[in-house]
Amino acid sequence: MSVKAIPLLVFSLILYNVIAFFGGGDNPVEIFQSELFEVSMPMGGQWRFYLGDLIVILSLVLLAIEVIKATYTRGAGLADQALSMILAVIFIIEFLLVPQAATSIFFMILIMSIIDVIAGAIIGIRTARRDFGIGSDIG
């Protein structure tokens, strides 16, 4: 199996679990609400950037790469789609059964995983249609 077939959102799942289980706190919500930095804004406001924000941004970047990967119709793309579906099921099971995963951050990553599956299927079908000329009018 090719490395290209690995769904990248698995890294978000691993990162979240490492922080939630080994982050050194009883409540994962507190861990993800730890402030990484603060920026003073020109009009006097304060922008605070939290650990949970970093994980969500990283997951969004990985989702964007996954959508780009979905445009490839090779065997690795099909394996990636199947593994993305399995990953989404793992996200759902963990969200429902593991207390440390009952956070808004984990839920957002779960939704990104589901979007990855849906977008991958739609893009894969559209790309395959174009590659094979299915449904196109000739002459």
Protein backbone atom coordinates (compact mmCIF):
# COMPACT_ATOMS: atom_id res chain seq x y z
CA MET A 1 0.00 0.00 0.00
CA SER A 2 1.26 3.44 -0.90
CA VAL A 3 1.93 6.17 1.64
CA LYS A 4 -0.39 8.35 -0.48
CA ALA A 5 -3.27 6.11 0.59
CA ILE A 6 -3.01 7.16 4.24
CA PRO A 7 -5.73 9.67 5.16
CA LEU A 8 -3.95 12.69 6.61
CA LEU A 9 -6.62 13.39 9.22
CA VAL A 10 -5.27 10.37 11.10
CA PHE A 11 -2.50 12.73 12.27
CA SER A 12 -5.13 15.01 13.82
CA LEU A 13 -6.64 12.01 15.59
CA ILE A 14 -3.24 10.92 16.90
CA LEU A 15 -2.29 14.46 17.99
CA TYR A 16 -5.62 14.99 19.76
CA ASN A 17 -5.38 11.65 21.57
CA VAL A 18 -1.78 12.20 22.65
CA ILE A 19 -2.67 15.60 24.11
CA ALA A 20 -5.97 14.45 25.67
CA PHE A 21 -4.58 11.29 27.26
CA PHE A 22 -1.03 12.33 28.09
CA GLY A 23 -1.42 16.10 28.44
CA GLY A 24 -1.22 15.99 32.19
CA GLY A 25 -4.72 16.97 33.20
CA ASP A 26 -7.94 15.34 34.28
CA ASN A 27 -10.11 17.46 32.02
CA PRO A 28 -9.17 17.58 28.30
CA VAL A 29 -11.21 20.76 27.85
CA GLU A 30 -8.79 22.59 30.13
CA ILE A 31 -5.79 21.26 28.23
CA PHE A 32 -7.13 22.45 24.87
CA GLN A 33 -8.04 25.84 26.33
CA SER A 34 -4.48 26.50 27.38
CA GLU A 35 -3.32 29.74 25.81
CA LEU A 36 -0.37 29.51 23.43
CA PHE A 37 0.04 33.24 22.85
CA GLU A 38 -1.76 36.56 23.01
CA VAL A 39 -1.60 39.47 20.57
CA SER A 40 -2.61 43.04 21.31
CA MET A 41 -4.77 44.40 18.51
CA PRO A 42 -4.51 47.99 17.21
CA MET A 43 -7.91 49.01 18.63
CA GLY A 44 -7.10 47.70 22.12
CA GLY A 45 -8.54 44.20 21.93
CA GLN A 46 -6.66 41.05 22.84
CA TRP A 47 -6.53 38.05 20.51
CA ARG A 48 -5.80 34.82 22.34
CA PHE A 49 -4.68 31.71 20.49
CA TYR A 50 -5.32 28.39 22.22
CA LEU A 51 -3.97 24.87 21.76
CA GLY A 52 -7.39 23.72 20.50
CA ASP A 53 -7.30 26.43 17.82
CA LEU A 54 -3.96 25.12 16.60
CA ILE A 55 -5.34 21.58 16.28
CA VAL A 56 -8.39 22.80 14.35
CA ILE A 57 -6.23 24.86 11.96
CA LEU A 58 -3.89 21.92 11.41
CA SER A 59 -6.90 19.69 10.70
CA LEU A 60 -8.29 22.21 8.18
CA VAL A 61 -4.97 22.25 6.33
CA LEU A 62 -4.93 18.45 6.28
CA LEU A 63 -8.53 18.42 5.01
CA ALA A 64 -7.58 20.76 2.17
CA ILE A 65 -4.74 18.44 1.18
CA GLU A 66 -7.13 15.47 1.34
CA VAL A 67 -9.53 17.22 -1.05
CA ILE A 68 -6.66 17.78 -3.47
CA LYS A 69 -5.64 14.12 -3.12
CA ALA A 70 -9.21 13.12 -4.02
CA THR A 71 -8.71 14.38 -7.57
CA TYR A 72 -6.34 11.52 -8.34
CA THR A 73 -8.05 8.40 -9.74
CA ARG A 74 -5.27 5.92 -9.23
CA GLY A 75 -5.38 2.86 -6.95
CA ALA A 76 -3.92 4.82 -4.03
CA GLY A 77 -6.86 7.23 -4.31
CA LEU A 78 -9.33 4.39 -3.97
CA ALA A 79 -7.47 2.99 -0.96
CA ASP A 80 -7.35 6.49 0.55
CA GLN A 81 -11.11 6.78 0.14
CA ALA A 82 -11.70 3.43 1.85
CA LEU A 83 -9.32 4.26 4.70
CA SER A 84 -10.95 7.68 5.09
CA MET A 85 -14.30 5.96 5.60
CA ILE A 86 -12.77 3.69 8.25
CA LEU A 87 -11.17 6.72 9.92
CA ALA A 88 -14.53 8.53 10.02
CA VAL A 89 -16.09 5.50 11.73
CA ILE A 90 -13.23 5.49 14.27
CA PHE A 91 -13.85 9.20 14.93
CA ILE A 92 -17.57 8.56 15.49
CA ILE A 93 -16.97 5.61 17.81
CA GLU A 94 -14.37 7.50 19.84
CA PHE A 95 -16.60 10.57 20.09
CA LEU A 96 -19.50 8.48 21.40
CA LEU A 97 -17.59 6.16 23.73
CA VAL A 98 -14.47 7.92 25.03
CA PRO A 99 -14.99 10.67 27.64
CA GLN A 100 -11.81 12.54 26.62
CA ALA A 101 -13.20 12.91 23.08
CA ALA A 102 -16.39 14.64 24.20
CA THR A 103 -15.16 18.11 23.26
CA SER A 104 -16.10 20.61 20.58
CA ILE A 105 -12.61 20.39 19.12
CA PHE A 106 -12.87 16.63 18.60
CA PHE A 107 -16.37 17.09 17.16
CA MET A 108 -15.04 19.61 14.60
CA ILE A 109 -12.31 17.19 13.55
CA LEU A 110 -14.97 14.46 13.30
CA ILE A 111 -17.02 16.66 10.97
CA MET A 112 -13.90 17.34 8.88
CA SER A 113 -13.40 13.59 8.56
CA ILE A 114 -16.98 13.14 7.36
CA ILE A 115 -16.53 16.02 4.89
CA ASP A 116 -13.38 14.28 3.66
CA VAL A 117 -15.35 11.11 2.94
CA ILE A 118 -18.21 12.91 1.20
CA ALA A 119 -16.00 15.27 -0.80
CA GLY A 120 -13.66 12.44 -1.74
CA ALA A 121 -16.53 10.36 -3.09
CA ILE A 122 -18.06 13.24 -5.04
CA ILE A 123 -14.75 14.45 -6.45
CA GLY A 124 -13.70 10.89 -7.27
CA ILE A 125 -16.90 10.24 -9.21
CA ARG A 126 -16.68 13.55 -11.08
CA THR A 127 -13.02 13.03 -11.93
CA ALA A 128 -13.59 9.46 -13.09
CA ARG A 129 -16.48 10.60 -15.30
CA ARG A 130 -14.27 13.20 -16.92
CA ASP A 131 -11.34 10.79 -17.35
CA PHE A 132 -13.46 8.13 -19.01
CA GLY A 133 -15.80 10.43 -20.89
CA ILE A 134 -18.93 8.96 -19.30
CA GLY A 135 -21.99 11.05 -19.97
CA SER A 136 -20.27 13.37 -22.41
CA ASP A 137 -21.72 14.17 -25.80
CA ILE A 138 -19.42 13.35 -28.69
CA GLY A 139 -19.92 15.13 -32.01
